[in-house]
Structures are given as structure tokens and as C-alpha cells.
Amino acid sequence: MSNDVVQYFSDTGLDYAAWSRQFNMHFGYWRWGLNPLRREPMLEEMNRQVSSRLGLDALDRNDLVVDLGCGLGATMRSLTRRWGSQNLLGVTVVPWQVEQAALLNQEFAPGVRVEQASYLDLPLAEGSVAAAYALESHCYAHGPDKADFYRELYRILKPGARFVVVDGFTMRAPARRTRLFRSLLQQISEGWAVDSFPHMPAVWDGLQQLGFDDLQRHDFSWNIAPTALHAPFLALSFAVSRWFAGDRLNQVRWNHVRACFLSLAVGMHRGDFSYCLISGRKPE
């Protein structure tokens, strides 16, 4: 991953507290019974959607569970409160996230920890991980098929271990995309420092070629719509409040705000783009 990713998350770090009091930095999952105006319960519901598909109840409490691109570790803390694991590891390439996560994880230390490492080259032995997930993070890996990411994921998982990936995916081949969609996608990628959004057909083929089984795909596009509507207006209001407070906002900050607004337009291209959860298992 490039230095642009580190710069982007370093410059936009203050958004974590504005977006979520628990420091979640992902879209939320709306279901019946949740108030679409209350963001935090939807963010926690997304964490639950991830944990429920990892098969955590079948694991030993000391089995290693890894968050690939953990941010400030909010999802790990959510899993620990729900599941009680004593062995969760998060990895991030952003130094300040490691430092801040250590403070936030004090209540759960040493069972929940964050280390600076790339999920493309993990300091973990082959077949050492009982479950792994990436929540809106594997889009920062190279290429539309995210082949390097999934090869490393396959390497670290134990036989029979499960994984979950949640992200935005392009659905149509590049040649079938409209000029407008290509332009929007490029601007969002630049604004969020994304190398390229994962392409579902390429990712799915790659997973099968690696040998993953029990593959499942769930389209969450409509479930995240309420929090997707929250994002641009919160980003703008936060940026303006920082500007009035005397904080000079650089181009990275403004590109982030613009990308949040443009993401709504991309989400309307239902045949071209979907927000999905993929789960699967390394064979025994």
C-alpha cells in the first residue's frame, strides 16, 4: 500500500470521533427495529453482522482472530464485548492508529492489541489464524482482484478457518461502465486514497482458484443506505467546524469531503456498484 493511504488516514483521523463515539470508521447496517437517524447502533450492527459469520462460538477463547486493516480497533472491541475473546490482533499501516488504539484498548489489554504491519505481508506463521476479517479495508490493496490480499489471507488461516470481507465492489466489466460512472469512481478513489475498488467477478474467481470453499455473498447496499446518507453531511459540517476553529484544511481533507458526496451518486448505479459481505472457509 502506498504512502497516500497513510497520509489520508493521518489527515482524516479526527473524523473517527465525529463519526462514532466508539471510533468505528465504517458504514452501519440498518435493519428493522433500528432508528435510521441513530448512527451508533447501526455501526454496532455491522460489527455484529461480521462476527456472526465468523463462527466465533465454535472457537477456543485463545484462538487468534485477526482484523486486517483495523483502524482504531473498534470492531475488535465490539467482538470482545460480545464474544469475550482474549486473543484478537489488529493490523494497520498507519502509525498514529497504533498509538491511539493502544490507549483505547487498555481495558481489554493484552487480549486485544494492534500492531503496525501490512496485511499483504503479515508477521504471522502459516496456518496460525482461527478467523480473520476485513471491514472496508481490503479496497486499499492493489488491483481489482485484490489477489495479494487473498493469497496472504489464505496463507495465515488454519484449515477450516473462516473469513469475512465487507467492502464496496464494482460489478460490471470496465468496458461496460458509463463515462459518468468511471469519472465518479476515479474521483472517489482519489479522495479516499483507494488503489482501485475490488471487482466482484475478479475477486470471486480468485477465491475459487485459491481453493476457498463455502463461499457466500450478501448484498448490503440498501442496509447501509441510511449511514451512507449521514456521511457527506457529517464530513462537511465537521470540516467547516474545524475551519472556523482555525484549522487550515489541506487538499486531502477537502477531497475526502467531496468523495463522501460523490459516493451517493456511485451508490445509485445499482448495476455497476454494490456494497457486499463475502464469507468463506479454508478447506480442512
Protein backbone atom coordinates (compact mmCIF):
# COMPACT_ATOMS: atom_id res chain seq x y z
CA MET A 1 0.00 0.00 0.00
CA SER A 2 1.20 3.48 -0.85
CA ASN A 3 2.18 6.37 1.39
CA ASP A 4 -1.04 8.06 0.20
CA VAL A 5 -3.01 5.66 2.40
CA VAL A 6 -1.00 6.57 5.49
CA GLN A 7 -1.30 10.27 4.67
CA TYR A 8 -5.05 10.01 4.09
CA PHE A 9 -5.80 8.30 7.40
CA SER A 10 -3.42 10.57 9.26
CA ASP A 11 -5.10 13.69 7.89
CA THR A 12 -8.66 12.46 8.40
CA GLY A 13 -8.11 10.86 11.80
CA LEU A 14 -10.20 13.38 13.71
CA ASP A 15 -13.25 12.16 11.78
CA TYR A 16 -13.32 8.98 13.88
CA ALA A 17 -14.64 10.76 16.95
CA ALA A 18 -17.14 12.79 14.90
CA TRP A 19 -18.48 9.71 13.13
CA SER A 20 -18.66 7.33 16.09
CA ARG A 21 -18.26 7.63 19.84
CA GLN A 22 -16.84 4.09 19.79
CA PHE A 23 -14.42 5.06 16.97
CA ASN A 24 -15.99 2.82 14.34
CA MET A 25 -15.00 4.02 10.88
CA HIS A 26 -17.24 2.15 8.50
CA PHE A 27 -20.82 2.24 7.28
CA GLY A 28 -23.57 0.92 9.53
CA TYR A 29 -26.09 -1.84 8.91
CA TRP A 30 -29.74 -0.85 9.16
CA ARG A 31 -32.42 -3.45 9.90
CA TRP A 32 -35.99 -3.27 11.09
CA GLY A 33 -36.10 -2.05 14.65
CA LEU A 34 -33.17 0.35 14.32
CA ASN A 35 -33.65 4.10 14.07
CA PRO A 36 -32.04 5.23 10.77
CA LEU A 37 -31.22 8.58 12.38
CA ARG A 38 -29.12 6.98 15.13
CA ARG A 39 -25.77 6.04 13.67
CA GLU A 40 -24.03 4.21 16.52
CA PRO A 41 -26.49 1.28 16.81
CA MET A 42 -26.22 0.73 13.05
CA LEU A 43 -22.42 0.76 13.23
CA GLU A 44 -22.53 -1.81 16.00
CA GLU A 45 -24.98 -3.89 14.00
CA MET A 46 -22.44 -4.02 11.16
CA ASN A 47 -19.89 -5.35 13.65
CA ARG A 48 -22.42 -7.98 14.66
CA GLN A 49 -23.03 -8.96 11.04
CA VAL A 50 -19.31 -9.59 10.68
CA SER A 51 -18.90 -11.52 13.93
CA SER A 52 -21.97 -13.70 13.37
CA ARG A 53 -20.46 -15.07 10.14
CA LEU A 54 -17.02 -15.82 11.56
CA GLY A 55 -18.13 -18.82 13.59
CA LEU A 56 -16.60 -17.42 16.76
CA ASP A 57 -18.74 -19.51 19.09
CA ALA A 58 -17.01 -22.64 17.78
CA LEU A 59 -13.55 -21.29 18.62
CA ASP A 60 -11.49 -21.55 21.75
CA ARG A 61 -11.21 -18.25 23.60
CA ASN A 62 -7.44 -18.24 22.98
CA ASP A 63 -7.68 -18.86 19.23
CA LEU A 64 -6.19 -15.97 17.26
CA VAL A 65 -8.66 -13.72 15.40
CA VAL A 66 -7.19 -11.05 13.12
CA ASP A 67 -8.62 -7.73 11.92
CA LEU A 68 -6.97 -6.89 8.59
CA GLY A 69 -6.89 -3.10 8.43
CA CYS A 70 -8.29 -2.43 11.88
CA GLY A 71 -8.21 1.38 12.13
CA LEU A 72 -8.54 2.18 15.83
CA GLY A 73 -9.73 -1.33 16.69
CA ALA A 74 -13.40 -0.56 17.30
CA THR A 75 -14.68 -3.76 15.72
CA MET A 76 -12.26 -5.85 17.80
CA ARG A 77 -13.50 -4.24 20.99
CA SER A 78 -17.08 -4.84 19.87
CA LEU A 79 -16.32 -8.52 19.23
CA THR A 80 -14.64 -8.85 22.60
CA ARG A 81 -17.61 -7.34 24.44
CA ARG A 82 -19.92 -9.76 22.64
CA TRP A 83 -17.76 -12.88 22.47
CA GLY A 84 -15.21 -12.49 25.25
CA SER A 85 -12.14 -13.50 23.24
CA GLN A 86 -8.74 -12.97 24.78
CA ASN A 87 -6.70 -13.08 21.57
CA LEU A 88 -7.55 -10.50 18.92
CA LEU A 89 -4.90 -8.85 16.76
CA GLY A 90 -5.46 -5.85 14.53
CA VAL A 91 -3.00 -4.67 11.90
CA THR A 92 -2.71 -1.25 10.29
CA VAL A 93 -0.03 0.58 8.33
CA VAL A 94 -0.87 3.92 9.99
CA PRO A 95 1.42 4.69 12.97
CA TRP A 96 -0.92 7.08 14.79
CA GLN A 97 -3.69 4.46 14.68
CA VAL A 98 -1.44 2.01 16.52
CA GLU A 99 -0.70 4.60 19.21
CA GLN A 100 -4.32 5.69 19.65
CA ALA A 101 -5.66 2.14 19.55
CA ALA A 102 -3.30 1.18 22.38
CA LEU A 103 -4.96 3.81 24.57
CA LEU A 104 -8.47 2.72 23.60
CA ASN A 105 -7.63 -0.96 24.15
CA GLN A 106 -6.26 -0.55 27.67
CA GLU A 107 -9.43 -2.00 29.18
CA PHE A 108 -9.02 -5.13 27.05
CA ALA A 109 -5.21 -5.47 27.04
CA PRO A 110 -3.34 -7.69 26.44
CA GLY A 111 -6.09 -9.73 24.78
CA VAL A 112 -6.83 -7.02 22.21
CA ARG A 113 -3.81 -5.46 20.54
CA VAL A 114 -2.90 -3.52 17.41
CA GLU A 115 0.39 -3.73 15.53
CA GLN A 116 1.82 -1.78 12.64
CA ALA A 117 2.02 -4.18 9.72
CA SER A 118 0.76 -4.61 6.19
CA TYR A 119 -1.94 -7.20 5.66
CA LEU A 120 -0.06 -8.13 2.47
CA ASP A 121 2.97 -9.31 4.47
CA LEU A 122 1.88 -10.34 7.94
CA PRO A 123 4.28 -11.33 10.73
CA LEU A 124 2.24 -14.47 11.32
CA ALA A 125 3.03 -18.12 10.75
CA GLU A 126 1.28 -20.09 8.04
CA GLY A 127 -1.94 -21.65 9.32
CA SER A 128 -1.89 -19.76 12.64
CA VAL A 129 -5.16 -17.78 12.47
CA ALA A 130 -8.55 -19.17 13.52
CA ALA A 131 -10.64 -16.41 11.88
CA ALA A 132 -9.96 -13.17 10.02
CA TYR A 133 -11.96 -10.27 8.64
CA ALA A 134 -11.52 -7.01 6.74
CA LEU A 135 -14.19 -4.36 7.19
CA GLU A 136 -13.91 -1.70 4.47
CA SER A 137 -10.14 -2.11 4.31
CA HIS A 138 -9.17 -4.55 1.57
CA CYS A 139 -10.06 -1.94 -1.08
CA TYR A 140 -6.66 -0.41 -0.27
CA ALA A 141 -4.84 -3.50 -1.58
CA HIS A 142 -3.55 -3.38 -5.14
CA GLY A 143 -5.63 -4.30 -8.17
CA PRO A 144 -9.32 -5.05 -8.77
CA ASP A 145 -8.91 -8.74 -7.85
CA LYS A 146 -7.02 -8.00 -4.57
CA ALA A 147 -5.03 -11.13 -5.32
CA ASP A 148 -2.13 -10.30 -2.96
CA PHE A 149 -4.56 -9.73 -0.11
CA TYR A 150 -6.37 -13.03 -0.59
CA ARG A 151 -3.15 -15.04 -1.04
CA GLU A 152 -1.88 -13.75 2.30
CA LEU A 153 -5.28 -14.39 3.88
CA TYR A 154 -5.22 -17.99 2.65
CA ARG A 155 -1.66 -18.46 3.95
CA ILE A 156 -2.36 -17.38 7.53
CA LEU A 157 -5.68 -19.17 8.03
CA LYS A 158 -5.82 -22.55 9.69
CA PRO A 159 -7.54 -25.35 7.76
CA GLY A 160 -11.25 -24.93 8.41
CA ALA A 161 -10.89 -21.28 9.49
CA ARG A 162 -13.41 -18.74 8.25
CA PHE A 163 -13.02 -15.23 6.86
CA VAL A 164 -15.33 -12.27 6.25
CA VAL A 165 -14.71 -9.32 3.93
CA VAL A 166 -17.03 -6.30 3.73
CA ASP A 167 -16.48 -3.62 1.11
CA GLY A 168 -17.78 -1.75 -1.92
CA PHE A 169 -17.41 -3.71 -5.16
CA THR A 170 -17.65 -2.83 -8.82
CA MET A 171 -19.89 -5.29 -10.63
CA ARG A 172 -19.66 -4.64 -14.39
CA ALA A 173 -16.56 -5.03 -16.54
CA PRO A 174 -14.74 -1.71 -17.21
CA ALA A 175 -15.76 -1.73 -20.88
CA ARG A 176 -19.45 -1.74 -19.88
CA ARG A 177 -19.23 1.20 -17.48
CA THR A 178 -20.54 4.61 -18.47
CA ARG A 179 -18.20 7.57 -18.73
CA LEU A 180 -20.01 9.20 -15.80
CA PHE A 181 -19.54 6.17 -13.56
CA ARG A 182 -15.86 5.86 -14.46
CA SER A 183 -15.33 9.54 -13.65
CA LEU A 184 -17.15 9.29 -10.31
CA LEU A 185 -15.24 6.16 -9.34
CA GLN A 186 -11.91 7.74 -10.16
CA GLN A 187 -12.66 10.86 -8.12
CA ILE A 188 -13.82 8.80 -5.13
CA SER A 189 -10.75 6.55 -5.35
CA GLU A 190 -8.51 9.62 -5.31
CA GLY A 191 -10.47 11.26 -2.50
CA TRP A 192 -10.30 8.16 -0.29
CA ALA A 193 -6.79 7.08 -1.38
CA VAL A 194 -8.16 3.78 -2.72
CA ASP A 195 -5.92 1.99 -5.23
CA SER A 196 -8.92 0.53 -7.01
CA PHE A 197 -12.24 -0.78 -5.77
CA PRO A 198 -12.47 -4.57 -5.77
CA HIS A 199 -14.22 -6.05 -8.81
CA MET A 200 -16.63 -8.75 -7.71
CA PRO A 201 -16.23 -11.18 -10.66
CA ALA A 202 -12.42 -10.99 -10.41
CA VAL A 203 -12.46 -11.42 -6.62
CA TRP A 204 -14.89 -14.35 -6.79
CA ASP A 205 -12.83 -16.14 -9.45
CA GLY A 206 -9.68 -15.58 -7.38
CA LEU A 207 -11.26 -17.01 -4.23
CA GLN A 208 -12.28 -20.15 -6.09
CA GLN A 209 -8.85 -20.54 -7.68
CA LEU A 210 -7.16 -20.27 -4.28
CA GLY A 211 -9.37 -23.08 -3.02
CA PHE A 212 -11.67 -21.34 -0.55
CA ASP A 213 -14.98 -23.13 -0.09
CA ASP A 214 -18.41 -22.44 1.44
CA LEU A 215 -18.27 -19.06 -0.32
CA GLN A 216 -21.27 -16.80 0.29
CA ARG A 217 -22.11 -13.30 -0.86
CA HIS A 218 -24.64 -10.90 0.66
CA ASP A 219 -25.56 -7.54 -0.84
CA PHE A 220 -25.83 -4.93 1.93
CA SER A 221 -26.31 -1.93 -0.37
CA TRP A 222 -29.76 -1.00 0.90
CA ASN A 223 -28.84 -1.80 4.51
CA ILE A 224 -26.06 0.79 4.54
CA ALA A 225 -28.11 3.48 2.77
CA PRO A 226 -29.05 5.39 5.97
CA THR A 227 -25.46 5.79 7.15
CA ALA A 228 -24.32 6.48 3.59
CA LEU A 229 -26.64 9.49 3.71
CA HIS A 230 -25.12 10.56 7.04
CA ALA A 231 -21.55 10.54 5.72
CA PRO A 232 -21.27 13.53 3.35
CA PHE A 233 -23.16 15.98 5.53
CA LEU A 234 -21.26 14.98 8.65
CA ALA A 235 -17.94 15.23 6.80
CA LEU A 236 -18.83 18.69 5.51
CA SER A 237 -20.09 20.01 8.83
CA PHE A 238 -17.02 18.65 10.60
CA ALA A 239 -14.67 20.20 8.04
CA VAL A 240 -16.41 23.56 8.30
CA SER A 241 -16.32 23.47 12.10
CA ARG A 242 -12.59 22.78 12.00
CA TRP A 243 -12.12 25.64 9.55
CA PHE A 244 -13.95 28.07 11.85
CA ALA A 245 -11.81 26.78 14.72
CA GLY A 246 -8.75 27.93 12.81
CA ASP A 247 -7.67 24.54 11.46
CA ARG A 248 -6.46 25.02 7.90
CA LEU A 249 -7.80 22.10 5.89
CA ASN A 250 -5.47 20.68 3.27
CA GLN A 251 -6.43 19.19 -0.07
CA VAL A 252 -6.66 15.69 1.39
CA ARG A 253 -9.40 16.84 3.76
CA TRP A 254 -11.42 18.57 1.06
CA ASN A 255 -11.01 15.62 -1.33
CA HIS A 256 -12.38 13.41 1.41
CA VAL A 257 -15.48 15.57 1.78
CA ARG A 258 -16.06 15.63 -1.98
CA ALA A 259 -15.66 11.85 -2.20
CA CYS A 260 -18.31 11.40 0.52
CA PHE A 261 -20.84 13.33 -1.58
CA LEU A 262 -19.88 11.60 -4.82
CA SER A 263 -20.27 8.20 -3.15
CA LEU A 264 -24.03 8.79 -3.08
CA ALA A 265 -24.05 9.11 -6.87
CA VAL A 266 -21.97 5.95 -7.25
CA GLY A 267 -24.35 4.07 -4.97
CA MET A 268 -27.22 4.93 -7.31
CA HIS A 269 -25.52 2.99 -10.11
CA ARG A 270 -27.03 -0.24 -8.88
CA GLY A 271 -25.85 -2.37 -11.78
CA ASP A 272 -22.30 -1.06 -11.50
CA PHE A 273 -21.61 -0.94 -7.78
CA SER A 274 -22.68 -2.89 -4.69
CA TYR A 275 -21.71 -2.96 -1.04
CA CYS A 276 -21.29 -6.60 -0.13
CA LEU A 277 -20.20 -9.06 2.52
CA ILE A 278 -18.23 -12.09 1.33
CA SER A 279 -17.54 -15.02 3.62
CA GLY A 280 -15.79 -18.32 3.11
CA ARG A 281 -13.62 -21.02 4.62
CA LYS A 282 -10.18 -22.51 4.07
CA PRO A 283 -10.70 -26.22 3.43
CA GLU A 284 -9.79 -28.75 6.09
